[in-house]
Amino acid sequence: MKKIAMIMAIGIAAISLAAGTCFAEKIVIAGSTTVLPIAQKTAEEFMNDNPSADISVRGGGSSVGIAALIDGNCDIADSSRPIKDVEIQKAVSNGRDPVAHIVALDGIAVVVNKSNPVSKLSKKQVKDIFMGKISDWSQLGGNTGKIVVVSRDTASGTFEAFGELVMQKEKVMPSALMQVSNQAVAQIINQTPNSIGYVGLGFMTNSLKAIEIEEVMPSKETVLSGKYSVTRPLFMYTNGKPQGTIKKYLDFVKSPDGQNLVESQGYVGLK
């Protein structure tokens, strides 16, 4: 009888363990490659403290993440831009209710190859470069050489934000090298002497040279103070008011510990 009781106890424990695994809440996060490092780091730390949580994180761009949320294919959409009216309308027609959560601030750094002697540009000069009106570095006091323009692709929230803040809704030149991620932009800039592009602050490395815009260098301090004008909030969107583990995770992201992780990834925490 004792053996039977022991076997039953072990069996019940195994069933309980299996049930705990089966009913672990899975959260899918998708979207912005700018927000991606924040989501990855905070999800990792959150799961360490909450073993029953199962969070998967993928990129794809802000538009991809928001579309996934609207279609019910993710629980949280990362976005480096506000949701558009047309996206809200589609969400409503799908019975979805996107709710924005600001999780960090970011500056869009205009970057060039480290060998480039140019260190300062105005917003107008940057716009003219990306429109193709300025095509040679010698026009800006640099060495003679055709400017290679590198941009994010149209699915990117960073592309949208750059379009609003710098391009003033003017189009980027057709011959620009359109890239799917901040990392791809950074790689081309690092390898191409006459190139210029833009990345989120979290992707700034020693291999890139940031340009002063209107005589202000992009940094955590200038973003937080508002002195650097090419600045935007970063979002996580949920379907309706978050509940359960999703709420617990977002509360963690916005907590002091979560914001320390935001800062550790090179972004500007909420104050």
C-alpha atoms as a PDB file:
ATOM      1  CA  MET A   1       0.000   0.000   0.000  1.00  0.00           C
ATOM      2  CA  LYS A   2       2.843   2.350   0.825  1.00  0.00           C
ATOM      3  CA  LYS A   3       4.360   1.700  -2.599  1.00  0.00           C
ATOM      4  CA  ILE A   4       1.024   2.364  -4.298  1.00  0.00           C
ATOM      5  CA  ALA A   5       0.580   5.602  -2.354  1.00  0.00           C
ATOM      6  CA  MET A   6       4.111   6.706  -3.288  1.00  0.00           C
ATOM      7  CA  ILE A   7       3.528   5.944  -6.979  1.00  0.00           C
ATOM      8  CA  MET A   8       0.270   7.895  -6.894  1.00  0.00           C
ATOM      9  CA  ALA A   9       1.962  10.849  -5.212  1.00  0.00           C
ATOM     10  CA  ILE A  10       4.711  10.863  -7.829  1.00  0.00           C
ATOM     11  CA  GLY A  11       2.126  10.611 -10.577  1.00  0.00           C
ATOM     12  CA  ILE A  12       0.114  13.519  -9.171  1.00  0.00           C
ATOM     13  CA  ALA A  13       3.275  15.629  -8.872  1.00  0.00           C
ATOM     14  CA  ALA A  14       4.205  14.836 -12.474  1.00  0.00           C
ATOM     15  CA  ILE A  15       0.729  15.758 -13.690  1.00  0.00           C
ATOM     16  CA  SER A  16       0.858  19.020 -11.729  1.00  0.00           C
ATOM     17  CA  LEU A  17       4.251  19.859 -13.217  1.00  0.00           C
ATOM     18  CA  ALA A  18       3.032  19.086 -16.722  1.00  0.00           C
ATOM     19  CA  ALA A  19      -0.069  21.192 -16.183  1.00  0.00           C
ATOM     20  CA  GLY A  20       2.057  24.098 -14.977  1.00  0.00           C
ATOM     21  CA  THR A  21       4.113  23.845 -18.142  1.00  0.00           C
ATOM     22  CA  CYS A  22       1.092  23.560 -20.421  1.00  0.00           C
ATOM     23  CA  PHE A  23      -0.655  26.517 -18.846  1.00  0.00           C
ATOM     24  CA  ALA A  24       2.381  28.810 -18.810  1.00  0.00           C
ATOM     25  CA  GLU A  25       1.218  32.015 -20.464  1.00  0.00           C
ATOM     26  CA  LYS A  26       2.917  32.542 -23.807  1.00  0.00           C
ATOM     27  CA  ILE A  27       3.384  36.144 -24.934  1.00  0.00           C
ATOM     28  CA  VAL A  28       4.450  37.021 -28.474  1.00  0.00           C
ATOM     29  CA  ILE A  29       6.168  40.373 -29.072  1.00  0.00           C
ATOM     30  CA  ALA A  30       6.843  41.564 -32.634  1.00  0.00           C
ATOM     31  CA  GLY A  31       7.794  44.721 -34.513  1.00  0.00           C
ATOM     32  CA  SER A  32      10.341  47.503 -34.413  1.00  0.00           C
ATOM     33  CA  THR A  33      14.015  46.592 -34.723  1.00  0.00           C
ATOM     34  CA  THR A  34      14.745  49.752 -32.713  1.00  0.00           C
ATOM     35  CA  VAL A  35      12.678  48.537 -29.757  1.00  0.00           C
ATOM     36  CA  LEU A  36      13.879  44.943 -30.253  1.00  0.00           C
ATOM     37  CA  PRO A  37      16.922  45.151 -27.893  1.00  0.00           C
ATOM     38  CA  ILE A  38      14.684  46.587 -25.145  1.00  0.00           C
ATOM     39  CA  ALA A  39      12.098  43.838 -25.611  1.00  0.00           C
ATOM     40  CA  GLN A  40      14.736  41.092 -25.693  1.00  0.00           C
ATOM     41  CA  LYS A  41      16.564  42.242 -22.573  1.00  0.00           C
ATOM     42  CA  THR A  42      13.469  42.972 -20.482  1.00  0.00           C
ATOM     43  CA  ALA A  43      11.788  39.723 -21.562  1.00  0.00           C
ATOM     44  CA  GLU A  44      14.877  37.751 -20.578  1.00  0.00           C
ATOM     45  CA  GLU A  45      15.026  39.326 -17.125  1.00  0.00           C
ATOM     46  CA  PHE A  46      11.246  39.052 -16.633  1.00  0.00           C
ATOM     47  CA  MET A  47      11.268  35.332 -17.435  1.00  0.00           C
ATOM     48  CA  ASN A  48      14.165  34.803 -15.023  1.00  0.00           C
ATOM     49  CA  ASP A  49      11.972  36.212 -12.245  1.00  0.00           C
ATOM     50  CA  ASN A  50       8.735  34.653 -13.540  1.00  0.00           C
ATOM     51  CA  PRO A  51       9.474  31.060 -14.657  1.00  0.00           C
ATOM     52  CA  SER A  52       5.863  30.447 -15.719  1.00  0.00           C
ATOM     53  CA  ALA A  53       6.079  33.227 -18.330  1.00  0.00           C
ATOM     54  CA  ASP A  54       7.051  32.296 -21.889  1.00  0.00           C
ATOM     55  CA  ILE A  55       7.886  35.359 -24.006  1.00  0.00           C
ATOM     56  CA  SER A  56       9.056  35.180 -27.610  1.00  0.00           C
ATOM     57  CA  VAL A  57      10.436  38.308 -29.286  1.00  0.00           C
ATOM     58  CA  ARG A  58      10.919  38.983 -32.992  1.00  0.00           C
ATOM     59  CA  GLY A  59      11.580  42.045 -35.172  1.00  0.00           C
ATOM     60  CA  GLY A  60      10.325  42.852 -38.650  1.00  0.00           C
ATOM     61  CA  GLY A  61       9.698  46.593 -38.323  1.00  0.00           C
ATOM     62  CA  SER A  62       7.059  48.760 -36.659  1.00  0.00           C
ATOM     63  CA  SER A  63       4.504  48.331 -39.450  1.00  0.00           C
ATOM     64  CA  VAL A  64       4.924  44.557 -39.309  1.00  0.00           C
ATOM     65  CA  GLY A  65       4.403  44.512 -35.540  1.00  0.00           C
ATOM     66  CA  ILE A  66       1.315  46.712 -35.633  1.00  0.00           C
ATOM     67  CA  ALA A  67      -0.161  44.619 -38.467  1.00  0.00           C
ATOM     68  CA  ALA A  68       0.465  41.469 -36.412  1.00  0.00           C
ATOM     69  CA  LEU A  69      -1.344  42.996 -33.427  1.00  0.00           C
ATOM     70  CA  ILE A  70      -4.291  44.040 -35.607  1.00  0.00           C
ATOM     71  CA  ASP A  71      -4.506  40.526 -37.078  1.00  0.00           C
ATOM     72  CA  GLY A  72      -4.217  38.864 -33.683  1.00  0.00           C
ATOM     73  CA  ASN A  73      -0.819  37.315 -34.419  1.00  0.00           C
ATOM     74  CA  CYS A  74       1.032  38.919 -31.516  1.00  0.00           C
ATOM     75  CA  ASP A  75       0.225  40.147 -28.015  1.00  0.00           C
ATOM     76  CA  ILE A  76       2.532  43.175 -27.953  1.00  0.00           C
ATOM     77  CA  ALA A  77       3.603  45.254 -30.967  1.00  0.00           C
ATOM     78  CA  ASP A  78       6.899  47.119 -30.683  1.00  0.00           C
ATOM     79  CA  SER A  79       6.861  50.410 -32.569  1.00  0.00           C
ATOM     80  CA  SER A  80       9.243  53.343 -32.924  1.00  0.00           C
ATOM     81  CA  ARG A  81       6.404  55.534 -34.219  1.00  0.00           C
ATOM     82  CA  PRO A  82       2.802  56.279 -33.214  1.00  0.00           C
ATOM     83  CA  ILE A  83       0.113  54.100 -34.760  1.00  0.00           C
ATOM     84  CA  LYS A  84      -1.473  55.609 -37.887  1.00  0.00           C
ATOM     85  CA  ASP A  85      -5.140  56.530 -38.256  1.00  0.00           C
ATOM     86  CA  VAL A  86      -5.560  53.993 -41.051  1.00  0.00           C
ATOM     87  CA  GLU A  87      -4.135  51.283 -38.777  1.00  0.00           C
ATOM     88  CA  ILE A  88      -6.527  52.254 -35.994  1.00  0.00           C
ATOM     89  CA  GLN A  89      -9.446  52.029 -38.417  1.00  0.00           C
ATOM     90  CA  LYS A  90      -8.364  48.578 -39.555  1.00  0.00           C
ATOM     91  CA  ALA A  91      -7.942  47.484 -35.942  1.00  0.00           C
ATOM     92  CA  VAL A  92     -11.446  48.623 -35.054  1.00  0.00           C
ATOM     93  CA  SER A  93     -12.877  46.773 -38.051  1.00  0.00           C
ATOM     94  CA  ASN A  94     -11.071  43.647 -36.791  1.00  0.00           C
ATOM     95  CA  GLY A  95     -12.460  44.092 -33.296  1.00  0.00           C
ATOM     96  CA  ARG A  96      -9.086  45.122 -31.891  1.00  0.00           C
ATOM     97  CA  ASP A  97      -8.259  48.082 -29.658  1.00  0.00           C
ATOM     98  CA  PRO A  98      -4.584  49.165 -29.847  1.00  0.00           C
ATOM     99  CA  VAL A  99      -3.408  50.831 -26.637  1.00  0.00           C
ATOM    100  CA  ALA A 100      -0.057  52.650 -26.559  1.00  0.00           C
ATOM    101  CA  HIS A 101       2.541  52.263 -23.806  1.00  0.00           C
ATOM    102  CA  ILE A 102       5.612  54.518 -23.981  1.00  0.00           C
ATOM    103  CA  VAL A 103       8.581  52.470 -22.768  1.00  0.00           C
ATOM    104  CA  ALA A 104      11.576  54.687 -23.635  1.00  0.00           C
ATOM    105  CA  LEU A 105      12.834  57.745 -25.489  1.00  0.00           C
ATOM    106  CA  ASP A 106      15.240  57.654 -28.390  1.00  0.00           C
ATOM    107  CA  GLY A 107      17.279  60.002 -30.532  1.00  0.00           C
ATOM    108  CA  ILE A 108      17.778  59.247 -34.213  1.00  0.00           C
ATOM    109  CA  ALA A 109      21.488  59.737 -34.802  1.00  0.00           C
ATOM    110  CA  VAL A 110      22.636  60.818 -38.259  1.00  0.00           C
ATOM    111  CA  VAL A 111      25.841  58.864 -38.814  1.00  0.00           C
ATOM    112  CA  VAL A 112      28.756  58.769 -41.257  1.00  0.00           C
ATOM    113  CA  ASN A 113      31.894  56.686 -41.671  1.00  0.00           C
ATOM    114  CA  LYS A 114      34.595  57.513 -39.105  1.00  0.00           C
ATOM    115  CA  SER A 115      36.950  58.608 -41.905  1.00  0.00           C
ATOM    116  CA  ASN A 116      34.593  61.443 -42.917  1.00  0.00           C
ATOM    117  CA  PRO A 117      35.871  64.883 -41.762  1.00  0.00           C
ATOM    118  CA  VAL A 118      32.362  66.421 -41.778  1.00  0.00           C
ATOM    119  CA  SER A 119      31.063  66.691 -38.214  1.00  0.00           C
ATOM    120  CA  LYS A 120      28.187  69.194 -38.305  1.00  0.00           C
ATOM    121  CA  LEU A 121      25.093  69.540 -40.484  1.00  0.00           C
ATOM    122  CA  SER A 122      21.850  71.462 -40.360  1.00  0.00           C
ATOM    123  CA  LYS A 123      18.498  69.710 -40.660  1.00  0.00           C
ATOM    124  CA  LYS A 124      18.067  71.295 -44.075  1.00  0.00           C
ATOM    125  CA  GLN A 125      21.424  69.968 -45.255  1.00  0.00           C
ATOM    126  CA  VAL A 126      20.511  66.470 -44.082  1.00  0.00           C
ATOM    127  CA  LYS A 127      17.152  66.704 -45.859  1.00  0.00           C
ATOM    128  CA  ASP A 128      18.845  67.914 -49.047  1.00  0.00           C
ATOM    129  CA  ILE A 129      21.321  65.028 -48.896  1.00  0.00           C
ATOM    130  CA  PHE A 130      18.569  62.433 -48.551  1.00  0.00           C
ATOM    131  CA  MET A 131      16.548  64.072 -51.332  1.00  0.00           C
ATOM    132  CA  GLY A 132      19.599  64.046 -53.627  1.00  0.00           C
ATOM    133  CA  LYS A 133      19.941  67.833 -53.854  1.00  0.00           C
ATOM    134  CA  ILE A 134      23.398  67.642 -52.266  1.00  0.00           C
ATOM    135  CA  SER A 135      25.311  64.782 -53.857  1.00  0.00           C
ATOM    136  CA  ASP A 136      29.005  65.341 -53.066  1.00  0.00           C
ATOM    137  CA  TRP A 137      30.753  65.778 -49.720  1.00  0.00           C
ATOM    138  CA  SER A 138      32.794  68.663 -51.148  1.00  0.00           C
ATOM    139  CA  GLN A 139      29.559  70.716 -51.137  1.00  0.00           C
ATOM    140  CA  LEU A 140      29.603  70.418 -47.327  1.00  0.00           C
ATOM    141  CA  GLY A 141      33.273  71.181 -46.724  1.00  0.00           C
ATOM    142  CA  GLY A 142      34.338  67.543 -46.876  1.00  0.00           C
ATOM    143  CA  ASN A 143      36.534  65.619 -49.274  1.00  0.00           C
ATOM    144  CA  THR A 144      35.421  65.206 -52.878  1.00  0.00           C
ATOM    145  CA  GLY A 145      33.302  62.089 -53.181  1.00  0.00           C
ATOM    146  CA  LYS A 146      29.780  61.070 -54.149  1.00  0.00           C
ATOM    147  CA  ILE A 147      27.519  60.723 -51.118  1.00  0.00           C
ATOM    148  CA  VAL A 148      26.094  57.229 -50.580  1.00  0.00           C
ATOM    149  CA  VAL A 149      22.677  57.601 -48.923  1.00  0.00           C
ATOM    150  CA  VAL A 150      21.558  54.761 -46.631  1.00  0.00           C
ATOM    151  CA  SER A 151      18.024  54.697 -45.242  1.00  0.00           C
ATOM    152  CA  ARG A 152      15.667  52.384 -43.380  1.00  0.00           C
ATOM    153  CA  ASP A 153      12.941  50.750 -45.452  1.00  0.00           C
ATOM    154  CA  THR A 154       9.326  51.906 -45.533  1.00  0.00           C
ATOM    155  CA  ALA A 155       8.146  49.281 -42.998  1.00  0.00           C
ATOM    156  CA  SER A 156      10.355  50.935 -40.396  1.00  0.00           C
ATOM    157  CA  GLY A 157       9.064  53.262 -37.707  1.00  0.00           C
ATOM    158  CA  THR A 158      12.478  54.915 -37.719  1.00  0.00           C
ATOM    159  CA  PHE A 159      11.959  55.683 -41.417  1.00  0.00           C
ATOM    160  CA  GLU A 160       8.570  57.229 -40.568  1.00  0.00           C
ATOM    161  CA  ALA A 161       9.990  59.273 -37.691  1.00  0.00           C
ATOM    162  CA  PHE A 162      12.949  60.471 -39.765  1.00  0.00           C
ATOM    163  CA  GLY A 163      10.474  61.451 -42.491  1.00  0.00           C
ATOM    164  CA  GLU A 164       8.513  63.580 -40.048  1.00  0.00           C
ATOM    165  CA  LEU A 165      11.378  65.086 -38.045  1.00  0.00           C
ATOM    166  CA  VAL A 166      13.977  65.673 -40.773  1.00  0.00           C
ATOM    167  CA  MET A 167      12.524  65.137 -44.237  1.00  0.00           C
ATOM    168  CA  GLN A 168       9.333  67.097 -43.453  1.00  0.00           C
ATOM    169  CA  LYS A 169       7.449  64.480 -45.473  1.00  0.00           C
ATOM    170  CA  GLU A 170       9.685  64.901 -48.536  1.00  0.00           C
ATOM    171  CA  LYS A 171      10.676  61.629 -50.207  1.00  0.00           C
ATOM    172  CA  VAL A 172      14.049  59.957 -49.813  1.00  0.00           C
ATOM    173  CA  MET A 173      15.899  59.747 -53.145  1.00  0.00           C
ATOM    174  CA  PRO A 174      15.072  56.595 -55.185  1.00  0.00           C
ATOM    175  CA  SER A 175      18.722  55.475 -55.327  1.00  0.00           C
ATOM    176  CA  ALA A 176      19.075  55.363 -51.521  1.00  0.00           C
ATOM    177  CA  LEU A 177      20.125  51.993 -50.109  1.00  0.00           C
ATOM    178  CA  MET A 178      17.027  50.905 -48.152  1.00  0.00           C
ATOM    179  CA  GLN A 179      17.787  48.603 -45.216  1.00  0.00           C
ATOM    180  CA  VAL A 180      15.579  46.383 -43.061  1.00  0.00           C
ATOM    181  CA  SER A 181      17.257  47.101 -39.723  1.00  0.00           C
ATOM    182  CA  ASN A 182      19.348  49.573 -37.752  1.00  0.00           C
ATOM    183  CA  GLN A 183      22.150  47.007 -37.672  1.00  0.00           C
ATOM    184  CA  ALA A 184      22.159  46.737 -41.471  1.00  0.00           C
ATOM    185  CA  VAL A 185      22.448  50.528 -41.778  1.00  0.00           C
ATOM    186  CA  ALA A 186      25.297  50.598 -39.249  1.00  0.00           C
ATOM    187  CA  GLN A 187      27.156  47.857 -41.116  1.00  0.00           C
ATOM    188  CA  ILE A 188      27.019  49.689 -44.454  1.00  0.00           C
ATOM    189  CA  ILE A 189      28.110  52.993 -42.884  1.00  0.00           C
ATOM    190  CA  ASN A 190      31.019  51.227 -41.207  1.00  0.00           C
ATOM    191  CA  GLN A 191      32.151  49.686 -44.501  1.00  0.00           C
ATOM    192  CA  THR A 192      31.494  52.609 -46.885  1.00  0.00           C
ATOM    193  CA  PRO A 193      33.665  55.752 -46.533  1.00  0.00           C
ATOM    194  CA  ASN A 194      31.325  58.213 -48.317  1.00  0.00           C
ATOM    195  CA  SER A 195      28.061  56.973 -46.802  1.00  0.00           C
ATOM    196  CA  ILE A 196      25.527  58.652 -44.526  1.00  0.00           C
ATOM    197  CA  GLY A 197      22.587  57.093 -42.700  1.00  0.00           C
ATOM    198  CA  TYR A 198      20.626  57.158 -39.453  1.00  0.00           C
ATOM    199  CA  VAL A 199      20.163  54.772 -36.524  1.00  0.00           C
ATOM    200  CA  GLY A 200      18.569  54.746 -33.090  1.00  0.00           C
ATOM    201  CA  LEU A 201      20.819  55.680 -30.165  1.00  0.00           C
ATOM    202  CA  GLY A 202      20.897  52.064 -29.017  1.00  0.00           C
ATOM    203  CA  PHE A 203      22.790  51.143 -32.176  1.00  0.00           C
ATOM    204  CA  MET A 204      25.542  53.749 -31.838  1.00  0.00           C
ATOM    205  CA  THR A 205      28.979  52.155 -31.563  1.00  0.00           C
ATOM    206  CA  ASN A 206      32.570  53.326 -31.663  1.00  0.00           C
ATOM    207  CA  SER A 207      32.722  52.262 -35.313  1.00  0.00           C
ATOM    208  CA  LEU A 208      30.239  55.005 -36.293  1.00  0.00           C
ATOM    209  CA  LYS A 209      30.591  58.789 -36.259  1.00  0.00           C
ATOM    210  CA  ALA A 210      27.538  60.742 -35.128  1.00  0.00           C
ATOM    211  CA  ILE A 211      26.928  64.140 -36.723  1.00  0.00           C
ATOM    212  CA  GLU A 212      25.922  67.229 -34.765  1.00  0.00           C
ATOM    213  CA  ILE A 213      22.530  68.446 -35.966  1.00  0.00           C
ATOM    214  CA  GLU A 214      22.012  72.196 -35.482  1.00  0.00           C
ATOM    215  CA  GLU A 215      25.215  72.035 -33.379  1.00  0.00           C
ATOM    216  CA  VAL A 216      23.768  69.488 -30.921  1.00  0.00           C
ATOM    217  CA  MET A 217      25.209  65.983 -30.590  1.00  0.00           C
ATOM    218  CA  PRO A 218      22.731  63.111 -30.079  1.00  0.00           C
ATOM    219  CA  SER A 219      23.071  61.697 -26.561  1.00  0.00           C
ATOM    220  CA  LYS A 220      20.958  60.558 -23.646  1.00  0.00           C
ATOM    221  CA  GLU A 221      21.397  63.969 -22.041  1.00  0.00           C
ATOM    222  CA  THR A 222      20.409  66.036 -25.095  1.00  0.00           C
ATOM    223  CA  VAL A 223      17.441  63.761 -25.847  1.00  0.00           C
ATOM    224  CA  LEU A 224      16.154  63.994 -22.284  1.00  0.00           C
ATOM    225  CA  SER A 225      16.630  67.775 -22.166  1.00  0.00           C
ATOM    226  CA  GLY A 226      14.940  68.259 -25.547  1.00  0.00           C
ATOM    227  CA  LYS A 227      17.991  70.021 -27.013  1.00  0.00           C
ATOM    228  CA  TYR A 228      18.419  67.339 -29.673  1.00  0.00           C
ATOM    229  CA  SER A 229      15.477  67.790 -31.999  1.00  0.00           C
ATOM    230  CA  VAL A 230      15.506  64.420 -33.809  1.00  0.00           C
ATOM    231  CA  THR A 231      13.899  62.642 -30.860  1.00  0.00           C
ATOM    232  CA  ARG A 232      10.907  60.312 -30.548  1.00  0.00           C
ATOM    233  CA  PRO A 233       9.212  58.053 -27.979  1.00  0.00           C
ATOM    234  CA  LEU A 234       9.313  54.281 -28.315  1.00  0.00           C
ATOM    235  CA  PHE A 235       6.117  52.269 -27.901  1.00  0.00           C
ATOM    236  CA  MET A 236       4.730  48.886 -27.033  1.00  0.00           C
ATOM    237  CA  TYR A 237       1.105  48.429 -28.149  1.00  0.00           C
ATOM    238  CA  THR A 238      -1.395  45.986 -26.646  1.00  0.00           C
ATOM    239  CA  ASN A 239      -4.883  44.955 -27.651  1.00  0.00           C
ATOM    240  CA  GLY A 240      -6.952  46.832 -25.088  1.00  0.00           C
ATOM    241  CA  LYS A 241      -5.908  47.438 -21.500  1.00  0.00           C
ATOM    242  CA  PRO A 242      -3.270  44.843 -20.612  1.00  0.00           C
ATOM    243  CA  GLN A 243      -4.114  42.163 -18.097  1.00  0.00           C
ATOM    244  CA  GLY A 244      -2.457  39.215 -16.419  1.00  0.00           C
ATOM    245  CA  THR A 245       1.121  38.422 -17.375  1.00  0.00           C
ATOM    246  CA  ILE A 246       1.123  41.010 -20.172  1.00  0.00           C
ATOM    247  CA  LYS A 247       0.332  43.760 -17.647  1.00  0.00           C
ATOM    248  CA  LYS A 248       2.905  42.381 -15.233  1.00  0.00           C
ATOM    249  CA  TYR A 249       5.560  42.422 -17.962  1.00  0.00           C
ATOM    250  CA  LEU A 250       4.750  45.998 -19.084  1.00  0.00           C
ATOM    251  CA  ASP A 251       4.738  47.172 -15.456  1.00  0.00           C
ATOM    252  CA  PHE A 252       8.209  45.658 -15.157  1.00  0.00           C
ATOM    253  CA  VAL A 253       9.441  47.401 -18.336  1.00  0.00           C
ATOM    254  CA  LYS A 254       8.281  50.768 -16.959  1.00  0.00           C
ATOM    255  CA  SER A 255       9.579  50.112 -13.433  1.00  0.00           C
ATOM    256  CA  PRO A 256      12.939  51.491 -12.213  1.00  0.00           C
ATOM    257  CA  ASP A 257      14.557  48.074 -12.781  1.00  0.00           C
ATOM    258  CA  GLY A 258      13.093  47.850 -16.287  1.00  0.00           C
ATOM    259  CA  GLN A 259      14.201  51.376 -17.133  1.00  0.00           C
ATOM    260  CA  ASN A 260      17.716  50.567 -15.953  1.00  0.00           C
ATOM    261  CA  LEU A 261      17.679  47.790 -18.559  1.00  0.00           C
ATOM    262  CA  VAL A 262      16.456  50.319 -21.155  1.00  0.00           C
ATOM    263  CA  GLU A 263      19.429  52.524 -20.295  1.00  0.00           C
ATOM    264  CA  SER A 264      21.792  49.541 -20.459  1.00  0.00           C
ATOM    265  CA  GLN A 265      20.778  49.031 -24.095  1.00  0.00           C
ATOM    266  CA  GLY A 266      21.761  52.593 -25.018  1.00  0.00           C
ATOM    267  CA  TYR A 267      18.309  54.211 -24.920  1.00  0.00           C
ATOM    268  CA  VAL A 268      16.900  56.991 -22.734  1.00  0.00           C
ATOM    269  CA  GLY A 269      14.801  55.831 -19.792  1.00  0.00           C
ATOM    270  CA  LEU A 270      11.563  57.485 -18.747  1.00  0.00           C
ATOM    271  CA  LYS A 271      11.955  60.016 -15.957  1.00  0.00           C
END
